[in-house]
Amino acid sequence: MTDQTPALNSSEDMTLLIVDDDKPFQQRLARAMEKRGFTTETADSVQDAAGKIAQNAPAFAIVDMRLEDGNGLDVIEQLRQRRPDARAIVLTGYGNIATAVTAVKLGAIDYLAKPADPDDIVAALARKPEDKAQPPENPMSADRVRWEHIQRVYELCDRNVSETARRLNMHRRTLQRILAKRAPR
C-alpha cells in the first residue's frame, strides 16, 4: 500500500466479494486484494453473487456495473439487505452520474472507473463516511456535465424520450440526437 492509502483495521472482518464477468481482470484484482490482506471470493454473475451473499455476506464488495445476467446494482442491493454494514464499491467502464447516484442510494460507498488501481480501491473501501474523496485531477468538461444531466433525467423518466424532452424543455428530436451521440470528454 502507498503512504496515502488509509489502512483497514486488520482485526476487522476482511472478507471481500469481487463480482466481475471479465475473468482475467477479476483474477488479477483478487490476487492484488489478497496481497493487501483481504480474504477474497469471486463471482461472475448476479446469480452467482447472490448465492455467495446468501451463504456468507462479505464485509466488503467490489462489483462491476454491467454483468452478463444483469446489473451490478442488484448485487449491491442484495448485499445491503443481508449485511447493512458492508462496504461496497461499484466499478464500471461505462460511467455516468445517474448510475453513480443510484449506486450510492442503494448503498455503495464509492463509484470508480475501470481499470481502477488496487490502491485506489482499498482507499475507497477504507475511507470513513465523513471523509470526502479527493477532487478529480481531470474534472468533467461543461459539455460532459450537460450530457450527464440529460442522461440522469432520461433514466429518471424510465428512458421515455418524450417525457424527458418535456421535463428538459427541449424538442424531442434534439434530445434524440443528443442521446444518439457518444458522451463528450
N, C-alpha and C. Protein backbone atom coordinates (compact mmCIF):
# COMPACT_ATOMS: atom_id res chain seq x y z
N MET A 1 0.83 -1.19 0.00
CA MET A 1 0.00 0.00 0.00
C MET A 1 0.86 1.24 0.00
N THR A 2 0.37 2.29 -0.60
CA THR A 2 1.10 3.54 -0.60
C THR A 2 0.87 4.25 0.72
N ASP A 3 1.68 5.27 0.99
CA ASP A 3 1.53 6.04 2.22
C ASP A 3 0.19 6.75 2.28
N GLN A 4 -0.40 7.06 1.14
CA GLN A 4 -1.65 7.82 1.10
C GLN A 4 -2.87 6.93 1.26
N THR A 5 -2.71 5.62 1.17
CA THR A 5 -3.83 4.71 1.27
C THR A 5 -4.18 4.49 2.73
N PRO A 6 -5.42 4.80 3.15
CA PRO A 6 -5.79 4.56 4.53
C PRO A 6 -5.73 3.06 4.83
N ALA A 7 -5.30 2.73 6.02
CA ALA A 7 -5.21 1.32 6.40
C ALA A 7 -6.54 0.84 6.96
N LEU A 8 -6.86 -0.39 6.67
CA LEU A 8 -8.02 -1.02 7.27
C LEU A 8 -7.56 -1.68 8.55
N ASN A 9 -8.43 -1.76 9.51
CA ASN A 9 -8.12 -2.40 10.78
C ASN A 9 -8.00 -3.90 10.55
N SER A 10 -6.82 -4.46 10.77
CA SER A 10 -6.59 -5.88 10.47
C SER A 10 -7.42 -6.81 11.35
N SER A 11 -7.97 -6.29 12.46
CA SER A 11 -8.80 -7.13 13.32
C SER A 11 -10.24 -7.22 12.82
N GLU A 12 -10.60 -6.38 11.88
CA GLU A 12 -11.97 -6.43 11.37
C GLU A 12 -12.12 -7.53 10.31
N ASP A 13 -13.36 -7.85 10.02
CA ASP A 13 -13.68 -8.85 9.02
C ASP A 13 -13.17 -8.35 7.66
N MET A 14 -12.28 -9.10 7.04
CA MET A 14 -11.66 -8.68 5.78
C MET A 14 -12.16 -9.51 4.61
N THR A 15 -13.39 -10.07 4.72
CA THR A 15 -13.94 -10.85 3.60
C THR A 15 -14.36 -9.90 2.49
N LEU A 16 -14.04 -10.28 1.27
CA LEU A 16 -14.29 -9.44 0.10
C LEU A 16 -14.86 -10.29 -1.04
N LEU A 17 -15.94 -9.81 -1.62
CA LEU A 17 -16.52 -10.45 -2.79
C LEU A 17 -16.25 -9.56 -4.00
N ILE A 18 -15.64 -10.15 -5.03
CA ILE A 18 -15.38 -9.43 -6.28
C ILE A 18 -16.32 -10.01 -7.32
N VAL A 19 -17.17 -9.16 -7.87
CA VAL A 19 -18.16 -9.60 -8.87
C VAL A 19 -17.83 -8.92 -10.19
N ASP A 20 -17.34 -9.72 -11.15
CA ASP A 20 -16.98 -9.18 -12.46
C ASP A 20 -16.98 -10.33 -13.46
N ASP A 21 -17.57 -10.11 -14.64
CA ASP A 21 -17.60 -11.18 -15.63
C ASP A 21 -16.38 -11.18 -16.55
N ASP A 22 -15.45 -10.24 -16.35
CA ASP A 22 -14.18 -10.22 -17.07
C ASP A 22 -13.19 -11.04 -16.23
N LYS A 23 -13.08 -12.34 -16.54
CA LYS A 23 -12.32 -13.29 -15.73
C LYS A 23 -10.86 -12.85 -15.49
N PRO A 24 -10.10 -12.46 -16.53
CA PRO A 24 -8.71 -12.06 -16.27
C PRO A 24 -8.61 -10.87 -15.31
N PHE A 25 -9.47 -9.86 -15.50
CA PHE A 25 -9.46 -8.70 -14.61
C PHE A 25 -9.84 -9.13 -13.19
N GLN A 26 -10.86 -9.95 -13.09
CA GLN A 26 -11.35 -10.44 -11.79
C GLN A 26 -10.22 -11.15 -11.03
N GLN A 27 -9.49 -12.02 -11.71
CA GLN A 27 -8.43 -12.79 -11.06
C GLN A 27 -7.25 -11.89 -10.65
N ARG A 28 -6.88 -10.94 -11.53
CA ARG A 28 -5.79 -10.00 -11.18
C ARG A 28 -6.18 -9.19 -9.95
N LEU A 29 -7.42 -8.71 -9.94
CA LEU A 29 -7.88 -7.90 -8.81
C LEU A 29 -7.94 -8.74 -7.53
N ALA A 30 -8.39 -9.98 -7.63
CA ALA A 30 -8.44 -10.86 -6.46
C ALA A 30 -7.05 -11.06 -5.87
N ARG A 31 -6.06 -11.33 -6.73
CA ARG A 31 -4.68 -11.51 -6.24
C ARG A 31 -4.17 -10.23 -5.58
N ALA A 32 -4.43 -9.09 -6.21
CA ALA A 32 -3.97 -7.80 -5.67
C ALA A 32 -4.62 -7.51 -4.31
N MET A 33 -5.88 -7.84 -4.16
CA MET A 33 -6.57 -7.57 -2.91
C MET A 33 -6.13 -8.55 -1.81
N GLU A 34 -5.83 -9.79 -2.19
CA GLU A 34 -5.31 -10.76 -1.22
C GLU A 34 -3.96 -10.29 -0.68
N LYS A 35 -3.13 -9.71 -1.54
CA LYS A 35 -1.84 -9.18 -1.10
C LYS A 35 -2.02 -8.03 -0.11
N ARG A 36 -3.18 -7.40 -0.15
CA ARG A 36 -3.48 -6.28 0.74
C ARG A 36 -4.26 -6.72 1.99
N GLY A 37 -4.34 -8.03 2.20
CA GLY A 37 -4.92 -8.53 3.44
C GLY A 37 -6.36 -9.02 3.40
N PHE A 38 -6.99 -9.00 2.24
CA PHE A 38 -8.38 -9.43 2.14
C PHE A 38 -8.47 -10.94 1.91
N THR A 39 -9.55 -11.53 2.37
CA THR A 39 -9.90 -12.91 2.05
C THR A 39 -10.93 -12.82 0.95
N THR A 40 -10.55 -13.14 -0.28
CA THR A 40 -11.42 -12.87 -1.42
C THR A 40 -12.18 -14.09 -1.90
N GLU A 41 -13.34 -13.78 -2.44
CA GLU A 41 -14.16 -14.74 -3.15
C GLU A 41 -14.60 -14.03 -4.42
N THR A 42 -14.80 -14.78 -5.50
CA THR A 42 -15.18 -14.15 -6.75
C THR A 42 -16.50 -14.72 -7.26
N ALA A 43 -17.18 -13.90 -8.06
CA ALA A 43 -18.42 -14.31 -8.71
C ALA A 43 -18.43 -13.71 -10.11
N ASP A 44 -19.02 -14.44 -11.06
CA ASP A 44 -19.05 -14.00 -12.45
C ASP A 44 -20.37 -13.37 -12.86
N SER A 45 -21.39 -13.50 -12.01
CA SER A 45 -22.73 -13.06 -12.41
C SER A 45 -23.53 -12.60 -11.20
N VAL A 46 -24.67 -11.98 -11.47
CA VAL A 46 -25.57 -11.56 -10.40
C VAL A 46 -26.04 -12.79 -9.63
N GLN A 47 -26.40 -13.84 -10.35
CA GLN A 47 -26.90 -15.07 -9.72
C GLN A 47 -25.83 -15.72 -8.84
N ASP A 48 -24.62 -15.81 -9.35
CA ASP A 48 -23.51 -16.38 -8.60
C ASP A 48 -23.24 -15.55 -7.34
N ALA A 49 -23.23 -14.24 -7.48
CA ALA A 49 -23.00 -13.34 -6.35
C ALA A 49 -24.11 -13.48 -5.31
N ALA A 50 -25.35 -13.59 -5.77
CA ALA A 50 -26.49 -13.73 -4.84
C ALA A 50 -26.33 -14.99 -3.99
N GLY A 51 -25.90 -16.07 -4.61
CA GLY A 51 -25.68 -17.31 -3.87
C GLY A 51 -24.60 -17.16 -2.82
N LYS A 52 -23.51 -16.49 -3.16
CA LYS A 52 -22.40 -16.31 -2.22
C LYS A 52 -22.79 -15.35 -1.10
N ILE A 53 -23.58 -14.34 -1.41
CA ILE A 53 -24.04 -13.41 -0.38
C ILE A 53 -25.00 -14.13 0.58
N ALA A 54 -25.85 -14.99 0.04
CA ALA A 54 -26.80 -15.74 0.89
C ALA A 54 -26.06 -16.68 1.84
N GLN A 55 -24.97 -17.30 1.36
CA GLN A 55 -24.19 -18.23 2.19
C GLN A 55 -23.44 -17.50 3.29
N ASN A 56 -22.72 -16.44 2.90
CA ASN A 56 -21.90 -15.70 3.85
C ASN A 56 -21.67 -14.30 3.30
N ALA A 57 -22.48 -13.35 3.73
CA ALA A 57 -22.36 -11.98 3.22
C ALA A 57 -21.02 -11.39 3.64
N PRO A 58 -20.23 -10.91 2.68
CA PRO A 58 -18.90 -10.38 2.99
C PRO A 58 -18.96 -8.97 3.61
N ALA A 59 -17.86 -8.58 4.21
CA ALA A 59 -17.75 -7.24 4.79
C ALA A 59 -17.53 -6.19 3.71
N PHE A 60 -16.91 -6.62 2.60
CA PHE A 60 -16.59 -5.71 1.50
C PHE A 60 -16.98 -6.33 0.17
N ALA A 61 -17.27 -5.47 -0.80
CA ALA A 61 -17.58 -5.98 -2.15
C ALA A 61 -17.09 -4.98 -3.18
N ILE A 62 -16.62 -5.53 -4.29
CA ILE A 62 -16.26 -4.74 -5.48
C ILE A 62 -17.11 -5.33 -6.59
N VAL A 63 -17.98 -4.51 -7.15
CA VAL A 63 -18.98 -5.02 -8.08
C VAL A 63 -18.92 -4.26 -9.41
N ASP A 64 -18.81 -5.02 -10.50
CA ASP A 64 -18.86 -4.43 -11.83
C ASP A 64 -20.31 -4.03 -12.10
N MET A 65 -20.50 -2.92 -12.77
CA MET A 65 -21.84 -2.43 -13.04
C MET A 65 -22.59 -3.30 -14.03
N ARG A 66 -21.94 -3.65 -15.12
CA ARG A 66 -22.62 -4.44 -16.16
C ARG A 66 -22.13 -5.87 -16.13
N LEU A 67 -23.06 -6.76 -15.86
CA LEU A 67 -22.76 -8.19 -15.84
C LEU A 67 -23.61 -8.87 -16.89
N GLU A 68 -23.17 -10.05 -17.32
CA GLU A 68 -23.87 -10.74 -18.41
C GLU A 68 -25.33 -11.01 -18.10
N ASP A 69 -25.63 -11.32 -16.84
CA ASP A 69 -27.01 -11.67 -16.50
C ASP A 69 -27.75 -10.57 -15.75
N GLY A 70 -27.22 -9.35 -15.78
CA GLY A 70 -27.95 -8.27 -15.11
C GLY A 70 -27.08 -7.10 -14.71
N ASN A 71 -27.56 -6.40 -13.71
CA ASN A 71 -26.97 -5.15 -13.28
C ASN A 71 -26.29 -5.34 -11.92
N GLY A 72 -25.08 -4.82 -11.79
CA GLY A 72 -24.35 -4.90 -10.53
C GLY A 72 -25.07 -4.24 -9.38
N LEU A 73 -25.96 -3.30 -9.67
CA LEU A 73 -26.71 -2.64 -8.60
C LEU A 73 -27.59 -3.64 -7.86
N ASP A 74 -28.03 -4.69 -8.55
CA ASP A 74 -28.82 -5.74 -7.90
C ASP A 74 -27.99 -6.44 -6.83
N VAL A 75 -26.70 -6.62 -7.10
CA VAL A 75 -25.80 -7.25 -6.13
C VAL A 75 -25.64 -6.34 -4.92
N ILE A 76 -25.45 -5.04 -5.16
CA ILE A 76 -25.31 -4.07 -4.07
C ILE A 76 -26.54 -4.11 -3.17
N GLU A 77 -27.71 -4.14 -3.79
CA GLU A 77 -28.97 -4.15 -3.04
C GLU A 77 -29.10 -5.43 -2.20
N GLN A 78 -28.76 -6.57 -2.79
CA GLN A 78 -28.83 -7.84 -2.04
C GLN A 78 -27.85 -7.85 -0.87
N LEU A 79 -26.66 -7.32 -1.10
CA LEU A 79 -25.66 -7.26 -0.04
C LEU A 79 -26.15 -6.36 1.09
N ARG A 80 -26.71 -5.22 0.74
CA ARG A 80 -27.20 -4.26 1.74
C ARG A 80 -28.31 -4.90 2.59
N GLN A 81 -29.17 -5.72 1.97
CA GLN A 81 -30.24 -6.38 2.71
C GLN A 81 -29.69 -7.42 3.69
N ARG A 82 -28.70 -8.19 3.26
CA ARG A 82 -28.15 -9.25 4.10
C ARG A 82 -27.16 -8.73 5.14
N ARG A 83 -26.42 -7.67 4.77
CA ARG A 83 -25.41 -7.14 5.69
C ARG A 83 -25.34 -5.62 5.53
N PRO A 84 -26.14 -4.90 6.30
CA PRO A 84 -26.22 -3.44 6.16
C PRO A 84 -24.90 -2.70 6.38
N ASP A 85 -23.99 -3.28 7.16
CA ASP A 85 -22.71 -2.62 7.43
C ASP A 85 -21.65 -2.88 6.37
N ALA A 86 -21.97 -3.69 5.37
CA ALA A 86 -20.99 -4.00 4.32
C ALA A 86 -20.62 -2.74 3.54
N ARG A 87 -19.37 -2.69 3.11
CA ARG A 87 -18.88 -1.54 2.34
C ARG A 87 -18.61 -2.02 0.92
N ALA A 88 -19.36 -1.47 -0.03
CA ALA A 88 -19.25 -1.91 -1.43
C ALA A 88 -18.94 -0.74 -2.33
N ILE A 89 -18.14 -1.02 -3.35
CA ILE A 89 -17.90 -0.02 -4.39
C ILE A 89 -18.27 -0.62 -5.74
N VAL A 90 -18.62 0.26 -6.65
CA VAL A 90 -19.01 -0.13 -8.00
C VAL A 90 -17.88 0.25 -8.94
N LEU A 91 -17.49 -0.68 -9.81
CA LEU A 91 -16.52 -0.42 -10.87
C LEU A 91 -17.25 -0.46 -12.20
N THR A 92 -16.90 0.43 -13.08
CA THR A 92 -17.52 0.38 -14.40
C THR A 92 -16.67 1.05 -15.45
N GLY A 93 -16.83 0.57 -16.65
CA GLY A 93 -16.19 1.21 -17.81
C GLY A 93 -17.17 2.13 -18.51
N TYR A 94 -18.41 2.16 -18.02
CA TYR A 94 -19.48 2.95 -18.65
C TYR A 94 -20.08 3.90 -17.64
N GLY A 95 -19.28 4.78 -17.09
CA GLY A 95 -19.76 5.63 -16.01
C GLY A 95 -20.64 6.77 -16.46
N ASN A 96 -21.67 7.03 -15.66
CA ASN A 96 -22.42 8.27 -15.79
C ASN A 96 -22.98 8.64 -14.43
N ILE A 97 -23.31 9.88 -14.27
CA ILE A 97 -23.72 10.39 -12.97
C ILE A 97 -24.98 9.71 -12.46
N ALA A 98 -25.95 9.48 -13.33
CA ALA A 98 -27.22 8.87 -12.90
C ALA A 98 -26.97 7.50 -12.27
N THR A 99 -26.11 6.72 -12.87
CA THR A 99 -25.82 5.39 -12.34
C THR A 99 -25.06 5.50 -11.03
N ALA A 100 -24.14 6.44 -10.95
CA ALA A 100 -23.38 6.64 -9.71
C ALA A 100 -24.32 7.03 -8.57
N VAL A 101 -25.25 7.92 -8.84
CA VAL A 101 -26.21 8.34 -7.82
C VAL A 101 -27.04 7.14 -7.36
N THR A 102 -27.52 6.35 -8.30
CA THR A 102 -28.31 5.17 -7.96
C THR A 102 -27.49 4.20 -7.12
N ALA A 103 -26.24 3.98 -7.51
CA ALA A 103 -25.37 3.06 -6.77
C ALA A 103 -25.21 3.52 -5.32
N VAL A 104 -25.00 4.80 -5.12
CA VAL A 104 -24.83 5.33 -3.77
C VAL A 104 -26.13 5.22 -2.97
N LYS A 105 -27.26 5.49 -3.62
CA LYS A 105 -28.55 5.37 -2.93
C LYS A 105 -28.81 3.93 -2.49
N LEU A 106 -28.33 2.96 -3.27
CA LEU A 106 -28.53 1.55 -2.93
C LEU A 106 -27.52 1.05 -1.90
N GLY A 107 -26.54 1.89 -1.56
CA GLY A 107 -25.61 1.50 -0.50
C GLY A 107 -24.15 1.43 -0.87
N ALA A 108 -23.80 1.67 -2.13
CA ALA A 108 -22.38 1.68 -2.50
C ALA A 108 -21.72 2.89 -1.84
N ILE A 109 -20.47 2.75 -1.45
CA ILE A 109 -19.79 3.86 -0.81
C ILE A 109 -18.95 4.66 -1.80
N ASP A 110 -18.71 4.08 -2.98
CA ASP A 110 -17.94 4.81 -4.00
C ASP A 110 -18.21 4.19 -5.36
N TYR A 111 -17.77 4.89 -6.38
CA TYR A 111 -18.03 4.52 -7.76
C TYR A 111 -16.76 4.85 -8.53
N LEU A 112 -16.04 3.84 -9.02
CA LEU A 112 -14.75 4.06 -9.68
C LEU A 112 -14.78 3.57 -11.12
N ALA A 113 -14.06 4.28 -11.98
CA ALA A 113 -13.97 3.88 -13.38
C ALA A 113 -12.93 2.78 -13.54
N LYS A 114 -13.22 1.84 -14.44
CA LYS A 114 -12.28 0.78 -14.77
C LYS A 114 -11.24 1.32 -15.73
N PRO A 115 -10.04 0.88 -15.71
CA PRO A 115 -9.48 -0.03 -14.72
C PRO A 115 -9.05 0.76 -13.49
N ALA A 116 -9.50 0.40 -12.34
CA ALA A 116 -9.15 1.10 -11.10
C ALA A 116 -7.90 0.46 -10.50
N ASP A 117 -7.06 1.28 -9.96
CA ASP A 117 -5.85 0.82 -9.30
C ASP A 117 -6.23 0.16 -7.96
N PRO A 118 -5.63 -0.99 -7.61
CA PRO A 118 -5.97 -1.64 -6.34
C PRO A 118 -5.80 -0.73 -5.13
N ASP A 119 -4.80 0.14 -5.13
CA ASP A 119 -4.62 1.06 -4.00
C ASP A 119 -5.78 2.05 -3.92
N ASP A 120 -6.30 2.49 -5.07
CA ASP A 120 -7.47 3.38 -5.06
C ASP A 120 -8.69 2.66 -4.53
N ILE A 121 -8.82 1.38 -4.86
CA ILE A 121 -9.95 0.58 -4.37
C ILE A 121 -9.87 0.42 -2.86
N VAL A 122 -8.67 0.08 -2.35
CA VAL A 122 -8.50 -0.07 -0.90
C VAL A 122 -8.79 1.26 -0.21
N ALA A 123 -8.31 2.36 -0.79
CA ALA A 123 -8.56 3.68 -0.20
C ALA A 123 -10.07 3.96 -0.14
N ALA A 124 -10.79 3.60 -1.20
CA ALA A 124 -12.24 3.81 -1.22
C ALA A 124 -12.93 2.94 -0.17
N LEU A 125 -12.50 1.69 -0.04
CA LEU A 125 -13.10 0.79 0.95
C LEU A 125 -12.79 1.23 2.38
N ALA A 126 -11.62 1.82 2.59
CA ALA A 126 -11.19 2.21 3.94
C ALA A 126 -11.67 3.60 4.35
N ARG A 127 -12.07 4.40 3.39
CA ARG A 127 -12.47 5.78 3.68
C ARG A 127 -13.66 5.81 4.63
N LYS A 128 -13.56 6.64 5.64
CA LYS A 128 -14.66 6.80 6.59
C LYS A 128 -15.77 7.58 5.90
N PRO A 129 -17.02 7.33 6.28
CA PRO A 129 -18.14 8.02 5.62
C PRO A 129 -18.04 9.54 5.69
N GLU A 130 -17.46 10.06 6.76
CA GLU A 130 -17.38 11.52 6.88
C GLU A 130 -16.22 12.13 6.07
N ASP A 131 -15.26 11.29 5.63
CA ASP A 131 -14.14 11.78 4.82
C ASP A 131 -14.58 11.91 3.37
N LYS A 132 -14.19 12.99 2.77
CA LYS A 132 -14.52 13.21 1.37
C LYS A 132 -13.39 12.72 0.47
N ALA A 133 -13.77 12.22 -0.69
CA ALA A 133 -12.77 11.79 -1.66
C ALA A 133 -12.03 13.01 -2.21
N GLN A 134 -10.81 12.79 -2.66
CA GLN A 134 -10.04 13.86 -3.28
C GLN A 134 -10.73 14.30 -4.57
N PRO A 135 -10.66 15.61 -4.89
CA PRO A 135 -11.25 16.05 -6.16
C PRO A 135 -10.48 15.43 -7.33
N PRO A 136 -11.17 15.20 -8.45
CA PRO A 136 -10.50 14.56 -9.59
C PRO A 136 -9.44 15.47 -10.20
N GLU A 137 -8.38 14.83 -10.71
CA GLU A 137 -7.31 15.57 -11.39
C GLU A 137 -7.84 16.20 -12.68
N ASN A 138 -8.69 15.46 -13.38
CA ASN A 138 -9.24 15.92 -14.65
C ASN A 138 -10.76 15.97 -14.56
N PRO A 139 -11.34 17.07 -14.04
CA PRO A 139 -12.80 17.12 -13.90
C PRO A 139 -13.49 17.12 -15.27
N MET A 140 -14.79 16.80 -15.25
CA MET A 140 -15.56 16.75 -16.50
C MET A 140 -15.68 18.14 -17.13
N SER A 141 -15.75 18.14 -18.44
CA SER A 141 -15.98 19.39 -19.16
C SER A 141 -17.43 19.81 -18.98
N ALA A 142 -17.73 21.07 -19.30
CA ALA A 142 -19.10 21.57 -19.20
C ALA A 142 -20.03 20.77 -20.13
N ASP A 143 -19.54 20.40 -21.32
CA ASP A 143 -20.35 19.60 -22.25
C ASP A 143 -20.66 18.24 -21.65
N ARG A 144 -19.69 17.65 -20.98
CA ARG A 144 -19.89 16.35 -20.37
C ARG A 144 -20.90 16.45 -19.22
N VAL A 145 -20.80 17.52 -18.41
CA VAL A 145 -21.74 17.72 -17.31
C VAL A 145 -23.17 17.84 -17.85
N ARG A 146 -23.33 18.59 -18.94
CA ARG A 146 -24.66 18.75 -19.57
C ARG A 146 -25.17 17.39 -20.04
N TRP A 147 -24.30 16.62 -20.71
CA TRP A 147 -24.68 15.31 -21.22
C TRP A 147 -25.08 14.39 -20.06
N GLU A 148 -24.31 14.42 -18.97
CA GLU A 148 -24.61 13.59 -17.80
C GLU A 148 -25.97 13.97 -17.20
N HIS A 149 -26.25 15.28 -17.13
CA HIS A 149 -27.54 15.74 -16.60
C HIS A 149 -28.69 15.22 -17.46
N ILE A 150 -28.54 15.30 -18.75
CA ILE A 150 -29.57 14.79 -19.67
C ILE A 150 -29.75 13.29 -19.46
N GLN A 151 -28.65 12.56 -19.34
CA GLN A 151 -28.72 11.11 -19.11
C GLN A 151 -29.44 10.79 -17.80
N ARG A 152 -29.18 11.59 -16.78
CA ARG A 152 -29.81 11.36 -15.47
C ARG A 152 -31.31 11.56 -15.56
N VAL A 153 -31.74 12.65 -16.18
CA VAL A 153 -33.18 12.92 -16.33
C VAL A 153 -33.82 11.82 -17.17
N TYR A 154 -33.13 11.40 -18.23
CA TYR A 154 -33.62 10.32 -19.09
C TYR A 154 -33.83 9.03 -18.29
N GLU A 155 -32.87 8.69 -17.44
CA GLU A 155 -33.00 7.49 -16.58
C GLU A 155 -34.14 7.66 -15.59
N LEU A 156 -34.26 8.85 -14.99
CA LEU A 156 -35.33 9.09 -14.02
C LEU A 156 -36.71 9.04 -14.66
N CYS A 157 -36.77 9.30 -15.96
CA CYS A 157 -38.04 9.22 -16.70
C CYS A 157 -38.23 7.83 -17.31
N ASP A 158 -37.53 6.85 -16.79
CA ASP A 158 -37.61 5.47 -17.28
C ASP A 158 -37.36 5.36 -18.78
N ARG A 159 -36.38 6.14 -19.25
CA ARG A 159 -35.96 6.14 -20.66
C ARG A 159 -37.08 6.50 -21.63
N ASN A 160 -37.98 7.33 -21.18
CA ASN A 160 -39.06 7.83 -22.02
C ASN A 160 -38.59 9.14 -22.64
N VAL A 161 -38.34 9.12 -23.95
CA VAL A 161 -37.79 10.29 -24.64
C VAL A 161 -38.75 11.47 -24.58
N SER A 162 -40.02 11.24 -24.83
CA SER A 162 -41.00 12.34 -24.82
C SER A 162 -41.08 13.02 -23.46
N GLU A 163 -41.14 12.22 -22.41
CA GLU A 163 -41.22 12.77 -21.05
C GLU A 163 -39.93 13.51 -20.69
N THR A 164 -38.79 12.95 -21.07
CA THR A 164 -37.51 13.61 -20.79
C THR A 164 -37.43 14.94 -21.51
N ALA A 165 -37.81 14.97 -22.78
CA ALA A 165 -37.79 16.22 -23.55
C ALA A 165 -38.70 17.26 -22.92
N ARG A 166 -39.87 16.84 -22.48
CA ARG A 166 -40.80 17.78 -21.84
C ARG A 166 -40.19 18.37 -20.57
N ARG A 167 -39.61 17.51 -19.75
CA ARG A 167 -39.03 17.98 -18.48
C ARG A 167 -37.81 18.87 -18.68
N LEU A 168 -37.06 18.63 -19.75
CA LEU A 168 -35.88 19.45 -20.03
C LEU A 168 -36.21 20.67 -20.87
N ASN A 169 -37.49 20.79 -21.24
CA ASN A 169 -37.94 21.90 -22.08
C ASN A 169 -37.11 21.93 -23.38
N MET A 170 -37.08 20.75 -24.02
CA MET A 170 -36.25 20.55 -25.20
C MET A 170 -37.10 19.86 -26.27
N HIS A 171 -36.81 20.14 -27.52
CA HIS A 171 -37.53 19.46 -28.60
C HIS A 171 -37.13 17.98 -28.60
N ARG A 172 -38.11 17.13 -28.87
CA ARG A 172 -37.89 15.68 -28.83
C ARG A 172 -36.78 15.24 -29.80
N ARG A 173 -36.77 15.78 -30.99
CA ARG A 173 -35.74 15.39 -31.98
C ARG A 173 -34.35 15.83 -31.54
N THR A 174 -34.27 16.99 -30.92
CA THR A 174 -32.98 17.46 -30.41
C THR A 174 -32.46 16.49 -29.35
N LEU A 175 -33.36 16.09 -28.47
CA LEU A 175 -32.98 15.13 -27.43
C LEU A 175 -32.54 13.80 -28.04
N GLN A 176 -33.26 13.33 -29.03
CA GLN A 176 -32.90 12.07 -29.68
C GLN A 176 -31.50 12.16 -30.30
N ARG A 177 -31.17 13.29 -30.91
CA ARG A 177 -29.82 13.46 -31.49
C ARG A 177 -28.76 13.43 -30.40
N ILE A 178 -29.03 14.08 -29.27
CA ILE A 178 -28.06 14.10 -28.16
C ILE A 178 -27.87 12.70 -27.60
N LEU A 179 -28.98 11.97 -27.42
CA LEU A 179 -28.90 10.62 -26.87
C LEU A 179 -28.19 9.64 -27.81
N ALA A 180 -28.24 9.91 -29.10
CA ALA A 180 -27.61 9.02 -30.08
C ALA A 180 -26.09 9.22 -30.14
N LYS A 181 -25.61 10.36 -29.66
CA LYS A 181 -24.17 10.65 -29.71
C LYS A 181 -23.47 10.02 -28.53
N ARG A 182 -22.16 9.88 -28.70
CA ARG A 182 -21.31 9.42 -27.58
C ARG A 182 -21.14 10.55 -26.58
N ALA A 183 -20.77 10.16 -25.39
CA ALA A 183 -20.54 11.16 -24.34
C ALA A 183 -19.34 12.03 -24.69
N PRO A 184 -19.47 13.35 -24.52
CA PRO A 184 -18.29 14.21 -24.73
C PRO A 184 -17.26 13.96 -23.64
N ARG A 185 -16.03 14.31 -23.92
CA ARG A 185 -14.95 14.10 -22.93
C ARG A 185 -14.87 15.22 -21.96
